[in-house]
């Protein structure tokens, strides 16, 4: 048996007759599209949960600084001081004054 090329297989599938009954509305019975009170309650609970999540997120976002860039003053102070000047050594190590 030779394998059938893909384009011919697709054409054969597309032309197959329907095997469903003509009177079948395709799963749309008498109560199709109607929601239950349980579905409404789940939807309302979902919206309440989203409301509290957004409220909590806004509360946490207000605590963040406006910018995470380092402040400009400490960088300028260390640049003016320069290396090797008095006061660079840590206080816990005695200076070697040989």
PDB file of N, CA and C in Angstrom:
ATOM      1  N   UNK A   1       0.842  -1.177   0.000  1.00  0.00           N
ATOM      2  CA  UNK A   1       0.000   0.000   0.000  1.00  0.00           C
ATOM      3  C   UNK A   1       0.890   1.244   0.000  1.00  0.00           C
ATOM      4  N   UNK A   2       0.670   2.115  -0.936  1.00  0.00           N
ATOM      5  CA  UNK A   2       1.451   3.344  -1.034  1.00  0.00           C
ATOM      6  C   UNK A   2       0.871   4.399  -0.102  1.00  0.00           C
ATOM      7  N   UNK A   3       1.747   5.160   0.579  1.00  0.00           N
ATOM      8  CA  UNK A   3       1.220   6.248   1.417  1.00  0.00           C
ATOM      9  C   UNK A   3       0.605   7.340   0.544  1.00  0.00           C
ATOM     10  N   UNK A   4      -0.477   7.904   1.031  1.00  0.00           N
ATOM     11  CA  UNK A   4      -1.176   8.960   0.300  1.00  0.00           C
ATOM     12  C   UNK A   4      -0.528  10.294   0.660  1.00  0.00           C
ATOM     13  N   UNK A   5      -0.222  11.147  -0.315  1.00  0.00           N
ATOM     14  CA  UNK A   5       0.360  12.462   0.004  1.00  0.00           C
ATOM     15  C   UNK A   5      -0.589  13.296   0.872  1.00  0.00           C
ATOM     16  N   UNK A   6      -0.003  14.229   1.604  1.00  0.00           N
ATOM     17  CA  UNK A   6      -0.748  15.028   2.573  1.00  0.00           C
ATOM     18  C   UNK A   6      -1.894  15.816   1.944  1.00  0.00           C
ATOM     19  N   UNK A   7      -1.670  16.458   0.814  1.00  0.00           N
ATOM     20  CA  UNK A   7      -2.731  17.269   0.221  1.00  0.00           C
ATOM     21  C   UNK A   7      -3.912  16.425  -0.231  1.00  0.00           C
ATOM     22  N   UNK A   8      -3.681  15.202  -0.662  1.00  0.00           N
ATOM     23  CA  UNK A   8      -4.790  14.327  -1.061  1.00  0.00           C
ATOM     24  C   UNK A   8      -5.538  13.817   0.170  1.00  0.00           C
ATOM     25  N   UNK A   9      -4.839  13.585   1.274  1.00  0.00           N
ATOM     26  CA  UNK A   9      -5.484  13.128   2.507  1.00  0.00           C
ATOM     27  C   UNK A   9      -6.420  14.203   3.032  1.00  0.00           C
ATOM     28  N   UNK A  10      -5.966  15.436   3.010  1.00  0.00           N
ATOM     29  CA  UNK A  10      -6.785  16.545   3.480  1.00  0.00           C
ATOM     30  C   UNK A  10      -8.040  16.670   2.633  1.00  0.00           C
ATOM     31  N   UNK A  11      -7.897  16.525   1.343  1.00  0.00           N
ATOM     32  CA  UNK A  11      -9.051  16.635   0.457  1.00  0.00           C
ATOM     33  C   UNK A  11     -10.049  15.519   0.742  1.00  0.00           C
ATOM     34  N   UNK A  12      -9.576  14.320   1.022  1.00  0.00           N
ATOM     35  CA  UNK A  12     -10.486  13.204   1.302  1.00  0.00           C
ATOM     36  C   UNK A  12     -11.233  13.437   2.612  1.00  0.00           C
ATOM     37  N   UNK A  13     -10.571  13.979   3.608  1.00  0.00           N
ATOM     38  CA  UNK A  13     -11.220  14.230   4.882  1.00  0.00           C
ATOM     39  C   UNK A  13     -12.265  15.320   4.735  1.00  0.00           C
ATOM     40  N   UNK A  14     -11.990  16.333   3.940  1.00  0.00           N
ATOM     41  CA  UNK A  14     -12.917  17.440   3.772  1.00  0.00           C
ATOM     42  C   UNK A  14     -14.186  17.048   3.029  1.00  0.00           C
ATOM     43  N   UNK A  15     -14.131  16.032   2.199  1.00  0.00           N
ATOM     44  CA  UNK A  15     -15.311  15.671   1.416  1.00  0.00           C
ATOM     45  C   UNK A  15     -16.094  14.528   2.041  1.00  0.00           C
ATOM     46  N   UNK A  16     -15.714  14.054   3.210  1.00  0.00           N
ATOM     47  CA  UNK A  16     -16.460  12.974   3.844  1.00  0.00           C
ATOM     48  C   UNK A  16     -17.823  13.488   4.287  1.00  0.00           C
ATOM     49  N   UNK A  17     -18.848  12.701   4.084  1.00  0.00           N
ATOM     50  CA  UNK A  17     -20.193  13.130   4.493  1.00  0.00           C
ATOM     51  C   UNK A  17     -20.331  13.122   6.012  1.00  0.00           C
ATOM     52  N   UNK A  18     -21.224  13.919   6.512  1.00  0.00           N
ATOM     53  CA  UNK A  18     -21.480  14.014   7.933  1.00  0.00           C
ATOM     54  C   UNK A  18     -22.141  12.738   8.427  1.00  0.00           C
ATOM     55  N   UNK A  19     -21.730  12.274   9.597  1.00  0.00           N
ATOM     56  CA  UNK A  19     -22.309  11.048  10.154  1.00  0.00           C
ATOM     57  C   UNK A  19     -23.360  11.355  11.212  1.00  0.00           C
ATOM     58  N   UNK A  20     -23.615  12.643  11.503  1.00  0.00           N
ATOM     59  CA  UNK A  20     -24.611  13.010  12.514  1.00  0.00           C
ATOM     60  C   UNK A  20     -25.995  13.053  11.888  1.00  0.00           C
ATOM     61  N   UNK A  21     -26.981  12.963  12.749  1.00  0.00           N
ATOM     62  CA  UNK A  21     -28.370  13.028  12.280  1.00  0.00           C
ATOM     63  C   UNK A  21     -28.719  14.457  11.891  1.00  0.00           C
ATOM     64  N   UNK A  22     -29.621  14.626  10.981  1.00  0.00           N
ATOM     65  CA  UNK A  22     -30.009  15.969  10.545  1.00  0.00           C
ATOM     66  C   UNK A  22     -30.776  16.724  11.632  1.00  0.00           C
ATOM     67  N   UNK A  23     -31.456  15.995  12.513  1.00  0.00           N
ATOM     68  CA  UNK A  23     -32.239  16.649  13.556  1.00  0.00           C
ATOM     69  C   UNK A  23     -31.397  17.052  14.761  1.00  0.00           C
ATOM     70  N   UNK A  24     -30.145  16.630  14.833  1.00  0.00           N
ATOM     71  CA  UNK A  24     -29.284  16.960  15.971  1.00  0.00           C
ATOM     72  C   UNK A  24     -28.832  18.414  15.850  1.00  0.00           C
ATOM     73  N   UNK A  25     -29.123  19.257  16.840  1.00  0.00           N
ATOM     74  CA  UNK A  25     -28.722  20.666  16.757  1.00  0.00           C
ATOM     75  C   UNK A  25     -27.247  20.902  17.099  1.00  0.00           C
ATOM     76  N   UNK A  26     -26.445  19.873  17.192  1.00  0.00           N
ATOM     77  CA  UNK A  26     -25.027  20.043  17.460  1.00  0.00           C
ATOM     78  C   UNK A  26     -24.713  20.322  18.909  1.00  0.00           C
ATOM     79  N   UNK A  27     -25.391  19.656  19.827  1.00  0.00           N
ATOM     80  CA  UNK A  27     -25.131  19.833  21.249  1.00  0.00           C
ATOM     81  C   UNK A  27     -25.871  21.003  21.856  1.00  0.00           C
ATOM     82  N   UNK A  28     -26.663  21.699  21.084  1.00  0.00           N
ATOM     83  CA  UNK A  28     -27.402  22.844  21.607  1.00  0.00           C
ATOM     84  C   UNK A  28     -28.802  22.391  21.991  1.00  0.00           C
ATOM     85  N   UNK A  29     -28.889  21.934  23.216  1.00  0.00           N
ATOM     86  CA  UNK A  29     -30.174  21.458  23.704  1.00  0.00           C
ATOM     87  C   UNK A  29     -31.018  22.640  24.186  1.00  0.00           C
ATOM     88  N   UNK A  30     -32.064  22.333  24.874  1.00  0.00           N
ATOM     89  CA  UNK A  30     -33.032  23.339  25.317  1.00  0.00           C
ATOM     90  C   UNK A  30     -32.417  24.400  26.233  1.00  0.00           C
ATOM     91  N   UNK A  31     -31.467  24.008  27.104  1.00  0.00           N
ATOM     92  CA  UNK A  31     -30.885  24.972  28.027  1.00  0.00           C
ATOM     93  C   UNK A  31     -29.466  25.395  27.619  1.00  0.00           C
ATOM     94  N   UNK A  32     -29.162  25.339  26.337  1.00  0.00           N
ATOM     95  CA  UNK A  32     -27.842  25.748  25.859  1.00  0.00           C
ATOM     96  C   UNK A  32     -27.683  27.259  25.993  1.00  0.00           C
ATOM     97  N   UNK A  33     -26.560  27.710  26.552  1.00  0.00           N
ATOM     98  CA  UNK A  33     -26.277  29.132  26.669  1.00  0.00           C
ATOM     99  C   UNK A  33     -26.805  29.772  27.929  1.00  0.00           C
ATOM    100  N   UNK A  34     -27.489  29.023  28.760  1.00  0.00           N
ATOM    101  CA  UNK A  34     -28.008  29.578  30.008  1.00  0.00           C
ATOM    102  C   UNK A  34     -27.011  29.280  31.125  1.00  0.00           C
ATOM    103  N   UNK A  35     -26.793  30.259  31.970  1.00  0.00           N
ATOM    104  CA  UNK A  35     -25.860  30.044  33.069  1.00  0.00           C
ATOM    105  C   UNK A  35     -26.626  29.717  34.340  1.00  0.00           C
ATOM    106  N   UNK A  36     -25.916  29.092  35.257  1.00  0.00           N
ATOM    107  CA  UNK A  36     -26.556  28.730  36.519  1.00  0.00           C
ATOM    108  C   UNK A  36     -26.190  29.761  37.582  1.00  0.00           C
ATOM    109  N   UNK A  37     -26.914  29.795  38.685  1.00  0.00           N
ATOM    110  CA  UNK A  37     -26.560  30.700  39.781  1.00  0.00           C
ATOM    111  C   UNK A  37     -25.158  30.402  40.336  1.00  0.00           C
ATOM    112  N   UNK A  38     -24.744  29.143  40.277  1.00  0.00           N
ATOM    113  CA  UNK A  38     -23.400  28.784  40.740  1.00  0.00           C
ATOM    114  C   UNK A  38     -22.337  29.469  39.876  1.00  0.00           C
ATOM    115  N   UNK A  39     -22.548  29.536  38.580  1.00  0.00           N
ATOM    116  CA  UNK A  39     -21.608  30.222  37.691  1.00  0.00           C
ATOM    117  C   UNK A  39     -21.522  31.702  37.999  1.00  0.00           C
ATOM    118  N   UNK A  40     -22.654  32.313  38.295  1.00  0.00           N
ATOM    119  CA  UNK A  40     -22.671  33.730  38.664  1.00  0.00           C
ATOM    120  C   UNK A  40     -21.909  33.957  39.966  1.00  0.00           C
ATOM    121  N   UNK A  41     -22.101  33.056  40.940  1.00  0.00           N
ATOM    122  CA  UNK A  41     -21.420  33.200  42.215  1.00  0.00           C
ATOM    123  C   UNK A  41     -19.901  33.045  42.042  1.00  0.00           C
ATOM    124  N   UNK A  42     -19.480  32.116  41.223  1.00  0.00           N
ATOM    125  CA  UNK A  42     -18.046  31.927  40.962  1.00  0.00           C
ATOM    126  C   UNK A  42     -17.477  33.174  40.283  1.00  0.00           C
ATOM    127  N   UNK A  43     -18.206  33.746  39.349  1.00  0.00           N
ATOM    128  CA  UNK A  43     -17.744  34.953  38.663  1.00  0.00           C
ATOM    129  C   UNK A  43     -17.639  36.141  39.621  1.00  0.00           C
ATOM    130  N   UNK A  44     -18.602  36.300  40.498  1.00  0.00           N
ATOM    131  CA  UNK A  44     -18.566  37.388  41.484  1.00  0.00           C
ATOM    132  C   UNK A  44     -17.401  37.197  42.443  1.00  0.00           C
ATOM    133  N   UNK A  45     -17.170  35.966  42.900  1.00  0.00           N
ATOM    134  CA  UNK A  45     -16.031  35.695  43.782  1.00  0.00           C
ATOM    135  C   UNK A  45     -14.705  35.975  43.076  1.00  0.00           C
ATOM    136  N   UNK A  46     -14.635  35.672  41.795  1.00  0.00           N
ATOM    137  CA  UNK A  46     -13.437  35.961  41.009  1.00  0.00           C
ATOM    138  C   UNK A  46     -13.173  37.468  40.958  1.00  0.00           C
ATOM    139  N   UNK A  47     -14.197  38.254  40.703  1.00  0.00           N
ATOM    140  CA  UNK A  47     -14.025  39.710  40.648  1.00  0.00           C
ATOM    141  C   UNK A  47     -13.642  40.286  42.010  1.00  0.00           C
ATOM    142  N   UNK A  48     -14.196  39.736  43.090  1.00  0.00           N
ATOM    143  CA  UNK A  48     -13.823  40.196  44.431  1.00  0.00           C
ATOM    144  C   UNK A  48     -12.354  39.883  44.697  1.00  0.00           C
ATOM    145  N   UNK A  49     -11.910  38.692  44.320  1.00  0.00           N
ATOM    146  CA  UNK A  49     -10.505  38.316  44.512  1.00  0.00           C
ATOM    147  C   UNK A  49      -9.587  39.221  43.703  1.00  0.00           C
ATOM    148  N   UNK A  50      -9.958  39.528  42.478  1.00  0.00           N
ATOM    149  CA  UNK A  50      -9.139  40.414  41.642  1.00  0.00           C
ATOM    150  C   UNK A  50      -9.087  41.812  42.250  1.00  0.00           C
ATOM    151  N   UNK A  51     -10.191  42.288  42.785  1.00  0.00           N
ATOM    152  CA  UNK A  51     -10.218  43.612  43.427  1.00  0.00           C
ATOM    153  C   UNK A  51      -9.219  43.674  44.580  1.00  0.00           C
ATOM    154  N   UNK A  52      -9.231  42.651  45.451  1.00  0.00           N
ATOM    155  CA  UNK A  52      -8.314  42.664  46.588  1.00  0.00           C
ATOM    156  C   UNK A  52      -6.861  42.466  46.150  1.00  0.00           C
ATOM    157  N   UNK A  53      -6.619  41.706  45.109  1.00  0.00           N
ATOM    158  CA  UNK A  53      -5.256  41.553  44.602  1.00  0.00           C
ATOM    159  C   UNK A  53      -4.718  42.870  44.049  1.00  0.00           C
ATOM    160  N   UNK A  54      -5.548  43.610  43.321  1.00  0.00           N
ATOM    161  CA  UNK A  54      -5.122  44.904  42.776  1.00  0.00           C
ATOM    162  C   UNK A  54      -4.886  45.896  43.909  1.00  0.00           C
ATOM    163  N   UNK A  55      -5.751  45.873  44.899  1.00  0.00           N
ATOM    164  CA  UNK A  55      -5.599  46.769  46.048  1.00  0.00           C
ATOM    165  C   UNK A  55      -4.279  46.480  46.781  1.00  0.00           C
ATOM    166  N   UNK A  56      -3.972  45.218  46.982  1.00  0.00           N
ATOM    167  CA  UNK A  56      -2.733  44.837  47.652  1.00  0.00           C
ATOM    168  C   UNK A  56      -1.514  45.206  46.810  1.00  0.00           C
ATOM    169  N   UNK A  57      -1.614  44.999  45.508  1.00  0.00           N
ATOM    170  CA  UNK A  57      -0.499  45.339  44.627  1.00  0.00           C
ATOM    171  C   UNK A  57      -0.228  46.844  44.660  1.00  0.00           C
ATOM    172  N   UNK A  58      -1.259  47.661  44.624  1.00  0.00           N
ATOM    173  CA  UNK A  58      -1.076  49.117  44.685  1.00  0.00           C
ATOM    174  C   UNK A  58      -0.445  49.532  46.007  1.00  0.00           C
ATOM    175  N   UNK A  59      -0.833  48.881  47.098  1.00  0.00           N
ATOM    176  CA  UNK A  59      -0.267  49.195  48.405  1.00  0.00           C
ATOM    177  C   UNK A  59       1.235  48.893  48.411  1.00  0.00           C
ATOM    178  N   UNK A  60       1.636  47.780  47.822  1.00  0.00           N
ATOM    179  CA  UNK A  60       3.051  47.432  47.768  1.00  0.00           C
ATOM    180  C   UNK A  60       3.825  48.323  46.799  1.00  0.00           C
ATOM    181  N   UNK A  61       3.193  48.720  45.717  1.00  0.00           N
ATOM    182  CA  UNK A  61       3.879  49.575  44.745  1.00  0.00           C
ATOM    183  C   UNK A  61       4.116  50.978  45.295  1.00  0.00           C
ATOM    184  N   UNK A  62       3.251  51.443  46.182  1.00  0.00           N
ATOM    185  CA  UNK A  62       3.442  52.770  46.775  1.00  0.00           C
ATOM    186  C   UNK A  62       4.660  52.804  47.696  1.00  0.00           C
ATOM    187  N   UNK A  63       5.070  51.648  48.219  1.00  0.00           N
ATOM    188  CA  UNK A  63       6.230  51.580  49.097  1.00  0.00           C
ATOM    189  C   UNK A  63       7.545  51.643  48.330  1.00  0.00           C
ATOM    190  N   UNK A  64       7.513  51.408  47.035  1.00  0.00           N
ATOM    191  CA  UNK A  64       8.736  51.417  46.238  1.00  0.00           C
ATOM    192  C   UNK A  64       9.220  52.841  45.998  1.00  0.00           C
ATOM    193  N   UNK A  65      10.536  53.014  45.885  1.00  0.00           N
ATOM    194  CA  UNK A  65      11.045  54.354  45.568  1.00  0.00           C
ATOM    195  C   UNK A  65      10.713  54.730  44.129  1.00  0.00           C
ATOM    196  N   UNK A  66      10.741  56.016  43.858  1.00  0.00           N
ATOM    197  CA  UNK A  66      10.419  56.490  42.509  1.00  0.00           C
ATOM    198  C   UNK A  66      11.456  56.019  41.503  1.00  0.00           C
ATOM    199  N   UNK A  67      12.722  55.912  41.952  1.00  0.00           N
ATOM    200  CA  UNK A  67      13.792  55.491  41.067  1.00  0.00           C
ATOM    201  C   UNK A  67      14.759  54.612  41.844  1.00  0.00           C
ATOM    202  N   UNK A  68      15.331  53.625  41.170  1.00  0.00           N
ATOM    203  CA  UNK A  68      16.310  52.759  41.794  1.00  0.00           C
ATOM    204  C   UNK A  68      17.739  53.205  41.486  1.00  0.00           C
ATOM    205  N   UNK A  69      17.879  54.353  40.854  1.00  0.00           N
ATOM    206  CA  UNK A  69      19.208  54.874  40.570  1.00  0.00           C
ATOM    207  C   UNK A  69      19.881  55.270  41.884  1.00  0.00           C
ATOM    208  N   UNK A  70      21.205  55.065  41.986  1.00  0.00           N
ATOM    209  CA  UNK A  70      21.886  55.476  43.219  1.00  0.00           C
ATOM    210  C   UNK A  70      21.882  56.994  43.336  1.00  0.00           C
ATOM    211  N   UNK A  71      21.868  57.508  44.543  1.00  0.00           N
ATOM    212  CA  UNK A  71      21.869  58.964  44.718  1.00  0.00           C
ATOM    213  C   UNK A  71      23.156  59.570  44.164  1.00  0.00           C
ATOM    214  N   UNK A  72      23.067  60.786  43.666  1.00  0.00           N
ATOM    215  CA  UNK A  72      24.203  61.428  43.015  1.00  0.00           C
ATOM    216  C   UNK A  72      25.207  61.970  44.023  1.00  0.00           C
ATOM    217  N   UNK A  73      24.804  62.362  45.230  1.00  0.00           N
ATOM    218  CA  UNK A  73      25.705  62.978  46.199  1.00  0.00           C
ATOM    219  C   UNK A  73      26.841  62.066  46.661  1.00  0.00           C
ATOM    220  N   UNK A  74      26.609  60.840  47.081  1.00  0.00           N
ATOM    221  CA  UNK A  74      27.729  60.023  47.546  1.00  0.00           C
ATOM    222  C   UNK A  74      28.775  59.782  46.456  1.00  0.00           C
ATOM    223  N   UNK A  75      28.377  59.663  45.220  1.00  0.00           N
ATOM    224  CA  UNK A  75      29.334  59.465  44.139  1.00  0.00           C
ATOM    225  C   UNK A  75      30.187  60.725  43.970  1.00  0.00           C
ATOM    226  N   UNK A  76      29.605  61.894  44.111  1.00  0.00           N
ATOM    227  CA  UNK A  76      30.346  63.142  43.963  1.00  0.00           C
ATOM    228  C   UNK A  76      31.301  63.346  45.138  1.00  0.00           C
ATOM    229  N   UNK A  77      30.904  62.957  46.334  1.00  0.00           N
ATOM    230  CA  UNK A  77      31.745  63.132  47.519  1.00  0.00           C
ATOM    231  C   UNK A  77      32.977  62.239  47.420  1.00  0.00           C
ATOM    232  N   UNK A  78      32.826  60.993  47.010  1.00  0.00           N
ATOM    233  CA  UNK A  78      33.977  60.095  46.900  1.00  0.00           C
ATOM    234  C   UNK A  78      34.892  60.519  45.774  1.00  0.00           C
ATOM    235  N   UNK A  79      34.395  61.116  44.739  1.00  0.00           N
ATOM    236  CA  UNK A  79      35.234  61.575  43.641  1.00  0.00           C
ATOM    237  C   UNK A  79      36.075  62.779  44.075  1.00  0.00           C
ATOM    238  N   UNK A  80      35.521  63.647  44.912  1.00  0.00           N
ATOM    239  CA  UNK A  80      36.267  64.815  45.376  1.00  0.00           C
ATOM    240  C   UNK A  80      37.352  64.426  46.372  1.00  0.00           C
ATOM    241  N   UNK A  81      37.103  63.414  47.177  1.00  0.00           N
ATOM    242  CA  UNK A  81      38.019  63.019  48.229  1.00  0.00           C
ATOM    243  C   UNK A  81      39.309  62.444  47.653  1.00  0.00           C
ATOM    244  N   UNK A  82      39.216  61.558  46.684  1.00  0.00           N
ATOM    245  CA  UNK A  82      40.383  60.974  46.040  1.00  0.00           C
ATOM    246  C   UNK A  82      41.033  59.915  46.902  1.00  0.00           C
ATOM    247  N   UNK A  83      41.738  58.983  46.309  1.00  0.00           N
ATOM    248  CA  UNK A  83      42.375  57.904  47.064  1.00  0.00           C
ATOM    249  C   UNK A  83      43.659  58.390  47.743  1.00  0.00           C
ATOM    250  N   UNK A  84      44.017  57.752  48.841  1.00  0.00           N
ATOM    251  CA  UNK A  84      45.271  58.037  49.517  1.00  0.00           C
ATOM    252  C   UNK A  84      45.241  59.208  50.471  1.00  0.00           C
ATOM    253  N   UNK A  85      44.144  59.861  50.630  1.00  0.00           N
ATOM    254  CA  UNK A  85      44.066  60.981  51.563  1.00  0.00           C
ATOM    255  C   UNK A  85      43.771  60.465  52.962  1.00  0.00           C
ATOM    256  N   UNK A  86      44.102  61.219  53.983  1.00  0.00           N
ATOM    257  CA  UNK A  86      43.834  60.773  55.355  1.00  0.00           C
ATOM    258  C   UNK A  86      42.345  60.512  55.549  1.00  0.00           C
ATOM    259  N   UNK A  87      42.085  59.480  56.330  1.00  0.00           N
ATOM    260  CA  UNK A  87      40.698  59.125  56.599  1.00  0.00           C
ATOM    261  C   UNK A  87      40.199  58.001  55.718  1.00  0.00           C
ATOM    262  N   UNK A  88      41.038  57.490  54.791  1.00  0.00           N
ATOM    263  CA  UNK A  88      40.630  56.380  53.936  1.00  0.00           C
ATOM    264  C   UNK A  88      40.729  55.045  54.656  1.00  0.00           C
ATOM    265  N   UNK A  89      41.597  54.942  55.661  1.00  0.00           N
ATOM    266  CA  UNK A  89      41.809  53.671  56.326  1.00  0.00           C
ATOM    267  C   UNK A  89      40.646  53.399  57.273  1.00  0.00           C
ATOM    268  N   UNK A  90      40.295  52.141  57.409  1.00  0.00           N
ATOM    269  CA  UNK A  90      39.226  51.800  58.360  1.00  0.00           C
ATOM    270  C   UNK A  90      39.650  52.097  59.789  1.00  0.00           C
ATOM    271  N   UNK A  91      38.713  52.394  60.643  1.00  0.00           N
ATOM    272  CA  UNK A  91      39.000  52.784  62.019  1.00  0.00           C
ATOM    273  C   UNK A  91      39.512  51.602  62.829  1.00  0.00           C
ATOM    274  N   UNK A  92      39.138  50.349  62.508  1.00  0.00           N
ATOM    275  CA  UNK A  92      39.550  49.209  63.317  1.00  0.00           C
ATOM    276  C   UNK A  92      40.982  48.775  63.059  1.00  0.00           C
ATOM    277  N   UNK A  93      41.623  49.170  61.944  1.00  0.00           N
ATOM    278  CA  UNK A  93      43.012  48.830  61.643  1.00  0.00           C
ATOM    279  C   UNK A  93      43.915  50.017  61.964  1.00  0.00           C
ATOM    280  N   UNK A  94      44.931  49.786  62.748  1.00  0.00           N
ATOM    281  CA  UNK A  94      45.849  50.896  63.008  1.00  0.00           C
ATOM    282  C   UNK A  94      46.686  51.195  61.771  1.00  0.00           C
ATOM    283  N   UNK A  95      46.985  52.423  61.549  1.00  0.00           N
ATOM    284  CA  UNK A  95      47.777  52.829  60.387  1.00  0.00           C
ATOM    285  C   UNK A  95      49.237  52.452  60.614  1.00  0.00           C
ATOM    286  N   UNK A  96      49.868  51.947  59.593  1.00  0.00           N
ATOM    287  CA  UNK A  96      51.277  51.567  59.678  1.00  0.00           C
ATOM    288  C   UNK A  96      52.120  52.819  59.466  1.00  0.00           C
ATOM    289  N   UNK A  97      52.663  53.334  60.513  1.00  0.00           N
ATOM    290  CA  UNK A  97      53.403  54.594  60.410  1.00  0.00           C
ATOM    291  C   UNK A  97      54.908  54.359  60.606  1.00  0.00           C
ATOM    292  N   UNK A  98      55.429  53.161  60.326  1.00  0.00           N
ATOM    293  CA  UNK A  98      56.780  52.688  60.418  1.00  0.00           C
ATOM    294  C   UNK A  98      57.841  53.569  60.688  1.00  0.00           C
TER     295      UNK A  98
END
